[in-house]
Amino acid sequence: IEVVDADTDGAIAYFMINCAHPTHF
């Protein structure tokens, strides 16, 4: 998240987590 935000100057509206169970992350 930090690398993508830094490279794109925070242009992304928001991030999500998907394709894993909550116990994994």
mmCIF file of all heavy atoms, coordinates in Angstrom:
data_MODEL
# 
_entry.id   MODEL 
# 
loop_
_atom_site.group_PDB 
_atom_site.id 
_atom_site.type_symbol 
_atom_site.label_atom_id 
_atom_site.label_alt_id 
_atom_site.label_comp_id 
_atom_site.label_asym_id 
_atom_site.label_entity_id 
_atom_site.label_seq_id 
_atom_site.pdbx_PDB_ins_code 
_atom_site.Cartn_x 
_atom_site.Cartn_y 
_atom_site.Cartn_z 
_atom_site.occupancy 
_atom_site.B_iso_or_equiv 
_atom_site.pdbx_formal_charge 
_atom_site.auth_seq_id 
_atom_site.auth_comp_id 
_atom_site.auth_asym_id 
_atom_site.auth_atom_id 
_atom_site.pdbx_PDB_model_num 
ATOM 1   N N   . ILE A 1 1  ? 0.836   -1.207  0.000  1.00 0.00 ? 1  ILE A N   1 
ATOM 2   C CA  . ILE A 1 1  ? 0.000   0.000   0.000  1.00 0.00 ? 1  ILE A CA  1 
ATOM 3   C C   . ILE A 1 1  ? 0.865   1.249   0.000  1.00 0.00 ? 1  ILE A C   1 
ATOM 4   O O   . ILE A 1 1  ? 0.622   2.194   -0.763 1.00 0.00 ? 1  ILE A O   1 
ATOM 5   C CB  . ILE A 1 1  ? -0.960  -0.013  1.207  1.00 0.00 ? 1  ILE A CB  1 
ATOM 6   C CG1 . ILE A 1 1  ? -2.028  -1.096  1.006  1.00 0.00 ? 1  ILE A CG1 1 
ATOM 7   C CG2 . ILE A 1 1  ? -1.610  1.363   1.409  1.00 0.00 ? 1  ILE A CG2 1 
ATOM 8   C CD1 . ILE A 1 1  ? -2.926  -1.308  2.203  1.00 0.00 ? 1  ILE A CD1 1 
ATOM 9   N N   . GLU A 1 2  ? 1.900   1.258   0.830  1.00 0.00 ? 2  GLU A N   1 
ATOM 10  C CA  . GLU A 1 2  ? 2.755   2.447   0.920  1.00 0.00 ? 2  GLU A CA  1 
ATOM 11  C C   . GLU A 1 2  ? 3.536   2.669   -0.373 1.00 0.00 ? 2  GLU A C   1 
ATOM 12  O O   . GLU A 1 2  ? 3.699   3.818   -0.814 1.00 0.00 ? 2  GLU A O   1 
ATOM 13  C CB  . GLU A 1 2  ? 3.694   2.311   2.116  1.00 0.00 ? 2  GLU A CB  1 
ATOM 14  C CG  . GLU A 1 2  ? 2.956   2.414   3.462  1.00 0.00 ? 2  GLU A CG  1 
ATOM 15  C CD  . GLU A 1 2  ? 3.868   2.272   4.662  1.00 0.00 ? 2  GLU A CD  1 
ATOM 16  O OE1 . GLU A 1 2  ? 5.007   1.759   4.501  1.00 0.00 ? 2  GLU A OE1 1 
ATOM 17  O OE2 . GLU A 1 2  ? 3.447   2.660   5.772  1.00 0.00 ? 2  GLU A OE2 1 
ATOM 18  N N   . VAL A 1 3  ? 4.017   1.597   -0.987 1.00 0.00 ? 3  VAL A N   1 
ATOM 19  C CA  . VAL A 1 3  ? 4.764   1.725   -2.247 1.00 0.00 ? 3  VAL A CA  1 
ATOM 20  C C   . VAL A 1 3  ? 3.860   2.251   -3.359 1.00 0.00 ? 3  VAL A C   1 
ATOM 21  O O   . VAL A 1 3  ? 4.234   3.155   -4.116 1.00 0.00 ? 3  VAL A O   1 
ATOM 22  C CB  . VAL A 1 3  ? 5.380   0.368   -2.643 1.00 0.00 ? 3  VAL A CB  1 
ATOM 23  C CG1 . VAL A 1 3  ? 5.822   0.370   -4.100 1.00 0.00 ? 3  VAL A CG1 1 
ATOM 24  C CG2 . VAL A 1 3  ? 6.567   0.034   -1.750 1.00 0.00 ? 3  VAL A CG2 1 
ATOM 25  N N   . VAL A 1 4  ? 2.661   1.692   -3.468 1.00 0.00 ? 4  VAL A N   1 
ATOM 26  C CA  . VAL A 1 4  ? 1.736   2.122   -4.520 1.00 0.00 ? 4  VAL A CA  1 
ATOM 27  C C   . VAL A 1 4  ? 1.312   3.564   -4.295 1.00 0.00 ? 4  VAL A C   1 
ATOM 28  O O   . VAL A 1 4  ? 1.265   4.374   -5.241 1.00 0.00 ? 4  VAL A O   1 
ATOM 29  C CB  . VAL A 1 4  ? 0.510   1.190   -4.581 1.00 0.00 ? 4  VAL A CB  1 
ATOM 30  C CG1 . VAL A 1 4  ? -0.516  1.724   -5.574 1.00 0.00 ? 4  VAL A CG1 1 
ATOM 31  C CG2 . VAL A 1 4  ? 0.933   -0.221  -4.974 1.00 0.00 ? 4  VAL A CG2 1 
ATOM 32  N N   . ASP A 1 5  ? 1.011   3.918   -3.054 1.00 0.00 ? 5  ASP A N   1 
ATOM 33  C CA  . ASP A 1 5  ? 0.633   5.300   -2.759 1.00 0.00 ? 5  ASP A CA  1 
ATOM 34  C C   . ASP A 1 5  ? 1.761   6.271   -3.089 1.00 0.00 ? 5  ASP A C   1 
ATOM 35  O O   . ASP A 1 5  ? 1.533   7.341   -3.669 1.00 0.00 ? 5  ASP A O   1 
ATOM 36  C CB  . ASP A 1 5  ? 0.252   5.436   -1.277 1.00 0.00 ? 5  ASP A CB  1 
ATOM 37  C CG  . ASP A 1 5  ? -1.253  5.529   -1.075 1.00 0.00 ? 5  ASP A CG  1 
ATOM 38  O OD1 . ASP A 1 5  ? -1.990  5.745   -2.066 1.00 0.00 ? 5  ASP A OD1 1 
ATOM 39  O OD2 . ASP A 1 5  ? -1.715  5.397   0.077  1.00 0.00 ? 5  ASP A OD2 1 
ATOM 40  N N   . ALA A 1 6  ? 2.981   5.912   -2.723 1.00 0.00 ? 6  ALA A N   1 
ATOM 41  C CA  . ALA A 1 6  ? 4.115   6.803   -2.968 1.00 0.00 ? 6  ALA A CA  1 
ATOM 42  C C   . ALA A 1 6  ? 4.360   6.985   -4.461 1.00 0.00 ? 6  ALA A C   1 
ATOM 43  O O   . ALA A 1 6  ? 4.638   8.093   -4.928 1.00 0.00 ? 6  ALA A O   1 
ATOM 44  C CB  . ALA A 1 6  ? 5.370   6.243   -2.297 1.00 0.00 ? 6  ALA A CB  1 
ATOM 45  N N   . ASP A 1 7  ? 4.226   5.916   -5.215 1.00 0.00 ? 7  ASP A N   1 
ATOM 46  C CA  . ASP A 1 7  ? 4.501   5.981   -6.644 1.00 0.00 ? 7  ASP A CA  1 
ATOM 47  C C   . ASP A 1 7  ? 3.417   6.716   -7.418 1.00 0.00 ? 7  ASP A C   1 
ATOM 48  O O   . ASP A 1 7  ? 3.678   7.267   -8.486 1.00 0.00 ? 7  ASP A O   1 
ATOM 49  C CB  . ASP A 1 7  ? 4.662   4.571   -7.210 1.00 0.00 ? 7  ASP A CB  1 
ATOM 50  C CG  . ASP A 1 7  ? 5.267   4.571   -8.603 1.00 0.00 ? 7  ASP A CG  1 
ATOM 51  O OD1 . ASP A 1 7  ? 4.521   4.813   -9.570 1.00 0.00 ? 7  ASP A OD1 1 
ATOM 52  O OD2 . ASP A 1 7  ? 6.492   4.370   -8.726 1.00 0.00 ? 7  ASP A OD2 1 
ATOM 53  N N   . THR A 1 8  ? 2.204   6.736   -6.889 1.00 0.00 ? 8  THR A N   1 
ATOM 54  C CA  . THR A 1 8  ? 1.082   7.353   -7.606 1.00 0.00 ? 8  THR A CA  1 
ATOM 55  C C   . THR A 1 8  ? 0.605   8.643   -6.937 1.00 0.00 ? 8  THR A C   1 
ATOM 56  O O   . THR A 1 8  ? -0.454  9.159   -7.285 1.00 0.00 ? 8  THR A O   1 
ATOM 57  C CB  . THR A 1 8  ? -0.099  6.372   -7.699 1.00 0.00 ? 8  THR A CB  1 
ATOM 58  O OG1 . THR A 1 8  ? -0.525  6.010   -6.371 1.00 0.00 ? 8  THR A OG1 1 
ATOM 59  C CG2 . THR A 1 8  ? 0.296   5.120   -8.459 1.00 0.00 ? 8  THR A CG2 1 
ATOM 60  N N   . ASP A 1 9  ? 1.391   9.149   -5.981 1.00 0.00 ? 9  ASP A N   1 
ATOM 61  C CA  . ASP A 1 9  ? 1.029   10.384  -5.265 1.00 0.00 ? 9  ASP A CA  1 
ATOM 62  C C   . ASP A 1 9  ? -0.353  10.304  -4.634 1.00 0.00 ? 9  ASP A C   1 
ATOM 63  O O   . ASP A 1 9  ? -1.113  11.275  -4.625 1.00 0.00 ? 9  ASP A O   1 
ATOM 64  C CB  . ASP A 1 9  ? 1.097   11.591  -6.219 1.00 0.00 ? 9  ASP A CB  1 
ATOM 65  C CG  . ASP A 1 9  ? 2.499   11.826  -6.762 1.00 0.00 ? 9  ASP A CG  1 
ATOM 66  O OD1 . ASP A 1 9  ? 3.457   11.640  -5.989 1.00 0.00 ? 9  ASP A OD1 1 
ATOM 67  O OD2 . ASP A 1 9  ? 2.627   12.175  -7.950 1.00 0.00 ? 9  ASP A OD2 1 
ATOM 68  N N   . GLY A 1 10 ? -0.688  9.123   -4.124 1.00 0.00 ? 10 GLY A N   1 
ATOM 69  C CA  . GLY A 1 10 ? -1.965  8.955   -3.428 1.00 0.00 ? 10 GLY A CA  1 
ATOM 70  C C   . GLY A 1 10 ? -3.174  9.068   -4.337 1.00 0.00 ? 10 GLY A C   1 
ATOM 71  O O   . GLY A 1 10 ? -4.272  9.395   -3.879 1.00 0.00 ? 10 GLY A O   1 
ATOM 72  N N   . ALA A 1 11 ? -2.999  8.778   -5.629 1.00 0.00 ? 11 ALA A N   1 
ATOM 73  C CA  . ALA A 1 11 ? -4.092  8.964   -6.588 1.00 0.00 ? 11 ALA A CA  1 
ATOM 74  C C   . ALA A 1 11 ? -5.207  7.940   -6.434 1.00 0.00 ? 11 ALA A C   1 
ATOM 75  O O   . ALA A 1 11 ? -6.320  8.155   -6.908 1.00 0.00 ? 11 ALA A O   1 
ATOM 76  C CB  . ALA A 1 11 ? -3.534  8.896   -8.010 1.00 0.00 ? 11 ALA A CB  1 
ATOM 77  N N   . ILE A 1 12 ? -4.923  6.821   -5.792 1.00 0.00 ? 12 ILE A N   1 
ATOM 78  C CA  . ILE A 1 12 ? -5.926  5.766   -5.640 1.00 0.00 ? 12 ILE A CA  1 
ATOM 79  C C   . ILE A 1 12 ? -6.980  6.202   -4.627 1.00 0.00 ? 12 ILE A C   1 
ATOM 80  O O   . ILE A 1 12 ? -6.662  6.723   -3.548 1.00 0.00 ? 12 ILE A O   1 
ATOM 81  C CB  . ILE A 1 12 ? -5.247  4.456   -5.205 1.00 0.00 ? 12 ILE A CB  1 
ATOM 82  C CG1 . ILE A 1 12 ? -4.364  3.940   -6.350 1.00 0.00 ? 12 ILE A CG1 1 
ATOM 83  C CG2 . ILE A 1 12 ? -6.253  3.404   -4.788 1.00 0.00 ? 12 ILE A CG2 1 
ATOM 84  C CD1 . ILE A 1 12 ? -3.379  2.899   -5.948 1.00 0.00 ? 12 ILE A CD1 1 
ATOM 85  N N   . ALA A 1 13 ? -8.251  5.980   -4.968 1.00 0.00 ? 13 ALA A N   1 
ATOM 86  C CA  . ALA A 1 13 ? -9.347  6.402   -4.089 1.00 0.00 ? 13 ALA A CA  1 
ATOM 87  C C   . ALA A 1 13 ? -9.279  5.682   -2.747 1.00 0.00 ? 13 ALA A C   1 
ATOM 88  O O   . ALA A 1 13 ? -9.405  6.300   -1.690 1.00 0.00 ? 13 ALA A O   1 
ATOM 89  C CB  . ALA A 1 13 ? -10.695 6.144   -4.767 1.00 0.00 ? 13 ALA A CB  1 
ATOM 90  N N   . TYR A 1 14 ? -9.093  4.382   -2.797 1.00 0.00 ? 14 TYR A N   1 
ATOM 91  C CA  . TYR A 1 14 ? -8.905  3.594   -1.572 1.00 0.00 ? 14 TYR A CA  1 
ATOM 92  C C   . TYR A 1 14 ? -8.448  2.194   -1.963 1.00 0.00 ? 14 TYR A C   1 
ATOM 93  O O   . TYR A 1 14 ? -8.488  1.803   -3.132 1.00 0.00 ? 14 TYR A O   1 
ATOM 94  C CB  . TYR A 1 14 ? -10.184 3.519   -0.721 1.00 0.00 ? 14 TYR A CB  1 
ATOM 95  C CG  . TYR A 1 14 ? -11.415 2.986   -1.410 1.00 0.00 ? 14 TYR A CG  1 
ATOM 96  C CD1 . TYR A 1 14 ? -11.741 1.636   -1.410 1.00 0.00 ? 14 TYR A CD1 1 
ATOM 97  C CD2 . TYR A 1 14 ? -12.304 3.859   -2.039 1.00 0.00 ? 14 TYR A CD2 1 
ATOM 98  C CE1 . TYR A 1 14 ? -12.882 1.156   -2.021 1.00 0.00 ? 14 TYR A CE1 1 
ATOM 99  C CE2 . TYR A 1 14 ? -13.459 3.398   -2.651 1.00 0.00 ? 14 TYR A CE2 1 
ATOM 100 C CZ  . TYR A 1 14 ? -13.740 2.039   -2.639 1.00 0.00 ? 14 TYR A CZ  1 
ATOM 101 O OH  . TYR A 1 14 ? -14.883 1.580   -3.262 1.00 0.00 ? 14 TYR A OH  1 
ATOM 102 N N   . PHE A 1 15 ? -7.998  1.455   -0.959 1.00 0.00 ? 15 PHE A N   1 
ATOM 103 C CA  . PHE A 1 15 ? -7.549  0.083   -1.152 1.00 0.00 ? 15 PHE A CA  1 
ATOM 104 C C   . PHE A 1 15 ? -8.557  -0.888  -0.537 1.00 0.00 ? 15 PHE A C   1 
ATOM 105 O O   . PHE A 1 15 ? -9.328  -0.527  0.361  1.00 0.00 ? 15 PHE A O   1 
ATOM 106 C CB  . PHE A 1 15 ? -6.185  -0.141  -0.489 1.00 0.00 ? 15 PHE A CB  1 
ATOM 107 C CG  . PHE A 1 15 ? -5.043  0.556   -1.172 1.00 0.00 ? 15 PHE A CG  1 
ATOM 108 C CD1 . PHE A 1 15 ? -4.734  1.879   -0.863 1.00 0.00 ? 15 PHE A CD1 1 
ATOM 109 C CD2 . PHE A 1 15 ? -4.264  -0.098  -2.118 1.00 0.00 ? 15 PHE A CD2 1 
ATOM 110 C CE1 . PHE A 1 15 ? -3.677  2.535   -1.477 1.00 0.00 ? 15 PHE A CE1 1 
ATOM 111 C CE2 . PHE A 1 15 ? -3.202  0.541   -2.738 1.00 0.00 ? 15 PHE A CE2 1 
ATOM 112 C CZ  . PHE A 1 15 ? -2.912  1.859   -2.421 1.00 0.00 ? 15 PHE A CZ  1 
ATOM 113 N N   . MET A 1 16 ? -8.513  -2.112  -1.013 1.00 0.00 ? 16 MET A N   1 
ATOM 114 C CA  . MET A 1 16 ? -9.313  -3.178  -0.433 1.00 0.00 ? 16 MET A CA  1 
ATOM 115 C C   . MET A 1 16 ? -8.440  -4.425  -0.252 1.00 0.00 ? 16 MET A C   1 
ATOM 116 O O   . MET A 1 16 ? -7.384  -4.553  -0.859 1.00 0.00 ? 16 MET A O   1 
ATOM 117 C CB  . MET A 1 16 ? -10.514 -3.528  -1.324 1.00 0.00 ? 16 MET A CB  1 
ATOM 118 C CG  . MET A 1 16 ? -11.508 -2.404  -1.550 1.00 0.00 ? 16 MET A CG  1 
ATOM 119 S SD  . MET A 1 16 ? -13.129 -3.002  -2.156 1.00 0.00 ? 16 MET A SD  1 
ATOM 120 C CE  . MET A 1 16 ? -12.652 -3.800  -3.695 1.00 0.00 ? 16 MET A CE  1 
ATOM 121 N N   . ILE A 1 17 ? -8.934  -5.332  0.584  1.00 0.00 ? 17 ILE A N   1 
ATOM 122 C CA  . ILE A 1 17 ? -8.340  -6.658  0.742  1.00 0.00 ? 17 ILE A CA  1 
ATOM 123 C C   . ILE A 1 17 ? -9.366  -7.659  0.250  1.00 0.00 ? 17 ILE A C   1 
ATOM 124 O O   . ILE A 1 17 ? -10.546 -7.563  0.589  1.00 0.00 ? 17 ILE A O   1 
ATOM 125 C CB  . ILE A 1 17 ? -7.992  -6.959  2.212  1.00 0.00 ? 17 ILE A CB  1 
ATOM 126 C CG1 . ILE A 1 17 ? -7.086  -5.877  2.804  1.00 0.00 ? 17 ILE A CG1 1 
ATOM 127 C CG2 . ILE A 1 17 ? -7.336  -8.326  2.338  1.00 0.00 ? 17 ILE A CG2 1 
ATOM 128 C CD1 . ILE A 1 17 ? -6.920  -5.999  4.315  1.00 0.00 ? 17 ILE A CD1 1 
ATOM 129 N N   . ASN A 1 18 ? -8.930  -8.618  -0.561 1.00 0.00 ? 18 ASN A N   1 
ATOM 130 C CA  . ASN A 1 18 ? -9.896  -9.607  -1.018 1.00 0.00 ? 18 ASN A CA  1 
ATOM 131 C C   . ASN A 1 18 ? -9.237  -10.975 -1.210 1.00 0.00 ? 18 ASN A C   1 
ATOM 132 O O   . ASN A 1 18 ? -8.018  -11.130 -1.099 1.00 0.00 ? 18 ASN A O   1 
ATOM 133 C CB  . ASN A 1 18 ? -10.578 -9.165  -2.319 1.00 0.00 ? 18 ASN A CB  1 
ATOM 134 C CG  . ASN A 1 18 ? -9.659  -9.192  -3.516 1.00 0.00 ? 18 ASN A CG  1 
ATOM 135 O OD1 . ASN A 1 18 ? -8.808  -8.324  -3.663 1.00 0.00 ? 18 ASN A OD1 1 
ATOM 136 N ND2 . ASN A 1 18 ? -9.809  -10.189 -4.365 1.00 0.00 ? 18 ASN A ND2 1 
ATOM 137 N N   . CYS A 1 19 ? -10.088 -11.968 -1.455 1.00 0.00 ? 19 CYS A N   1 
ATOM 138 C CA  . CYS A 1 19 ? -9.642  -13.315 -1.809 1.00 0.00 ? 19 CYS A CA  1 
ATOM 139 C C   . CYS A 1 19 ? -8.831  -13.997 -0.707 1.00 0.00 ? 19 CYS A C   1 
ATOM 140 O O   . CYS A 1 19 ? -7.895  -14.744 -0.993 1.00 0.00 ? 19 CYS A O   1 
ATOM 141 C CB  . CYS A 1 19 ? -8.857  -13.288 -3.118 1.00 0.00 ? 19 CYS A CB  1 
ATOM 142 S SG  . CYS A 1 19 ? -9.132  -14.770 -4.136 1.00 0.00 ? 19 CYS A SG  1 
ATOM 143 N N   . ALA A 1 20 ? -9.178  -13.742 0.545  1.00 0.00 ? 20 ALA A N   1 
ATOM 144 C CA  . ALA A 1 20 ? -8.581  -14.430 1.687  1.00 0.00 ? 20 ALA A CA  1 
ATOM 145 C C   . ALA A 1 20 ? -9.574  -14.350 2.837  1.00 0.00 ? 20 ALA A C   1 
ATOM 146 O O   . ALA A 1 20 ? -10.447 -13.478 2.870  1.00 0.00 ? 20 ALA A O   1 
ATOM 147 C CB  . ALA A 1 20 ? -7.263  -13.781 2.087  1.00 0.00 ? 20 ALA A CB  1 
ATOM 148 N N   . HIS A 1 21 ? -9.468  -15.262 3.768  1.00 0.00 ? 21 HIS A N   1 
ATOM 149 C CA  . HIS A 1 21 ? -10.349 -15.253 4.942  1.00 0.00 ? 21 HIS A CA  1 
ATOM 150 C C   . HIS A 1 21 ? -9.788  -14.287 5.981  1.00 0.00 ? 21 HIS A C   1 
ATOM 151 O O   . HIS A 1 21 ? -8.565  -14.139 6.081  1.00 0.00 ? 21 HIS A O   1 
ATOM 152 C CB  . HIS A 1 21 ? -10.444 -16.665 5.529  1.00 0.00 ? 21 HIS A CB  1 
ATOM 153 C CG  . HIS A 1 21 ? -11.542 -16.826 6.526  1.00 0.00 ? 21 HIS A CG  1 
ATOM 154 N ND1 . HIS A 1 21 ? -11.374 -16.576 7.871  1.00 0.00 ? 21 HIS A ND1 1 
ATOM 155 C CD2 . HIS A 1 21 ? -12.850 -17.185 6.362  1.00 0.00 ? 21 HIS A CD2 1 
ATOM 156 C CE1 . HIS A 1 21 ? -12.516 -16.804 8.499  1.00 0.00 ? 21 HIS A CE1 1 
ATOM 157 N NE2 . HIS A 1 21 ? -13.435 -17.170 7.608  1.00 0.00 ? 21 HIS A NE2 1 
ATOM 158 N N   . PRO A 1 22 ? -10.639 -13.616 6.756  1.00 0.00 ? 22 PRO A N   1 
ATOM 159 C CA  . PRO A 1 22 ? -10.134 -12.667 7.764  1.00 0.00 ? 22 PRO A CA  1 
ATOM 160 C C   . PRO A 1 22 ? -9.102  -13.263 8.718  1.00 0.00 ? 22 PRO A C   1 
ATOM 161 O O   . PRO A 1 22 ? -8.206  -12.551 9.188  1.00 0.00 ? 22 PRO A O   1 
ATOM 162 C CB  . PRO A 1 22 ? -11.400 -12.242 8.507  1.00 0.00 ? 22 PRO A CB  1 
ATOM 163 C CG  . PRO A 1 22 ? -12.477 -12.337 7.479  1.00 0.00 ? 22 PRO A CG  1 
ATOM 164 C CD  . PRO A 1 22 ? -12.119 -13.554 6.660  1.00 0.00 ? 22 PRO A CD  1 
ATOM 165 N N   . THR A 1 23 ? -9.198  -14.556 9.018  1.00 0.00 ? 23 THR A N   1 
ATOM 166 C CA  . THR A 1 23 ? -8.216  -15.169 9.915  1.00 0.00 ? 23 THR A CA  1 
ATOM 167 C C   . THR A 1 23 ? -6.820  -15.180 9.308  1.00 0.00 ? 23 THR A C   1 
ATOM 168 O O   . THR A 1 23 ? -5.829  -15.359 10.022 1.00 0.00 ? 23 THR A O   1 
ATOM 169 C CB  . THR A 1 23 ? -8.623  -16.614 10.265 1.00 0.00 ? 23 THR A CB  1 
ATOM 170 O OG1 . THR A 1 23 ? -8.816  -17.361 9.051  1.00 0.00 ? 23 THR A OG1 1 
ATOM 171 C CG2 . THR A 1 23 ? -9.918  -16.627 11.065 1.00 0.00 ? 23 THR A CG2 1 
ATOM 172 N N   . HIS A 1 24 ? -6.730  -14.998 7.989  1.00 0.00 ? 24 HIS A N   1 
ATOM 173 C CA  . HIS A 1 24 ? -5.432  -14.984 7.319  1.00 0.00 ? 24 HIS A CA  1 
ATOM 174 C C   . HIS A 1 24 ? -4.711  -13.647 7.450  1.00 0.00 ? 24 HIS A C   1 
ATOM 175 O O   . HIS A 1 24 ? -3.483  -13.606 7.399  1.00 0.00 ? 24 HIS A O   1 
ATOM 176 C CB  . HIS A 1 24 ? -5.593  -15.299 5.826  1.00 0.00 ? 24 HIS A CB  1 
ATOM 177 C CG  . HIS A 1 24 ? -6.178  -16.644 5.548  1.00 0.00 ? 24 HIS A CG  1 
ATOM 178 N ND1 . HIS A 1 24 ? -6.741  -16.985 4.329  1.00 0.00 ? 24 HIS A ND1 1 
ATOM 179 C CD2 . HIS A 1 24 ? -6.313  -17.740 6.351  1.00 0.00 ? 24 HIS A CD2 1 
ATOM 180 C CE1 . HIS A 1 24 ? -7.194  -18.223 4.387  1.00 0.00 ? 24 HIS A CE1 1 
ATOM 181 N NE2 . HIS A 1 24 ? -6.944  -18.699 5.599  1.00 0.00 ? 24 HIS A NE2 1 
ATOM 182 N N   . PHE A 1 25 ? -5.484  -12.562 7.576  1.00 0.00 ? 25 PHE A N   1 
ATOM 183 C CA  . PHE A 1 25 ? -4.840  -11.247 7.528  1.00 0.00 ? 25 PHE A CA  1 
ATOM 184 C C   . PHE A 1 25 ? -5.139  -10.336 8.706  1.00 0.00 ? 25 PHE A C   1 
ATOM 185 O O   . PHE A 1 25 ? -4.552  -9.261  8.810  1.00 0.00 ? 25 PHE A O   1 
ATOM 186 C CB  . PHE A 1 25 ? -5.196  -10.519 6.228  1.00 0.00 ? 25 PHE A CB  1 
ATOM 187 C CG  . PHE A 1 25 ? -6.678  -10.294 6.007  1.00 0.00 ? 25 PHE A CG  1 
ATOM 188 C CD1 . PHE A 1 25 ? -7.337  -9.238  6.615  1.00 0.00 ? 25 PHE A CD1 1 
ATOM 189 C CD2 . PHE A 1 25 ? -7.398  -11.128 5.169  1.00 0.00 ? 25 PHE A CD2 1 
ATOM 190 C CE1 . PHE A 1 25 ? -8.697  -9.021  6.407  1.00 0.00 ? 25 PHE A CE1 1 
ATOM 191 C CE2 . PHE A 1 25 ? -8.757  -10.914 4.942  1.00 0.00 ? 25 PHE A CE2 1 
ATOM 192 C CZ  . PHE A 1 25 ? -9.410  -9.857  5.567  1.00 0.00 ? 25 PHE A CZ  1 
# 
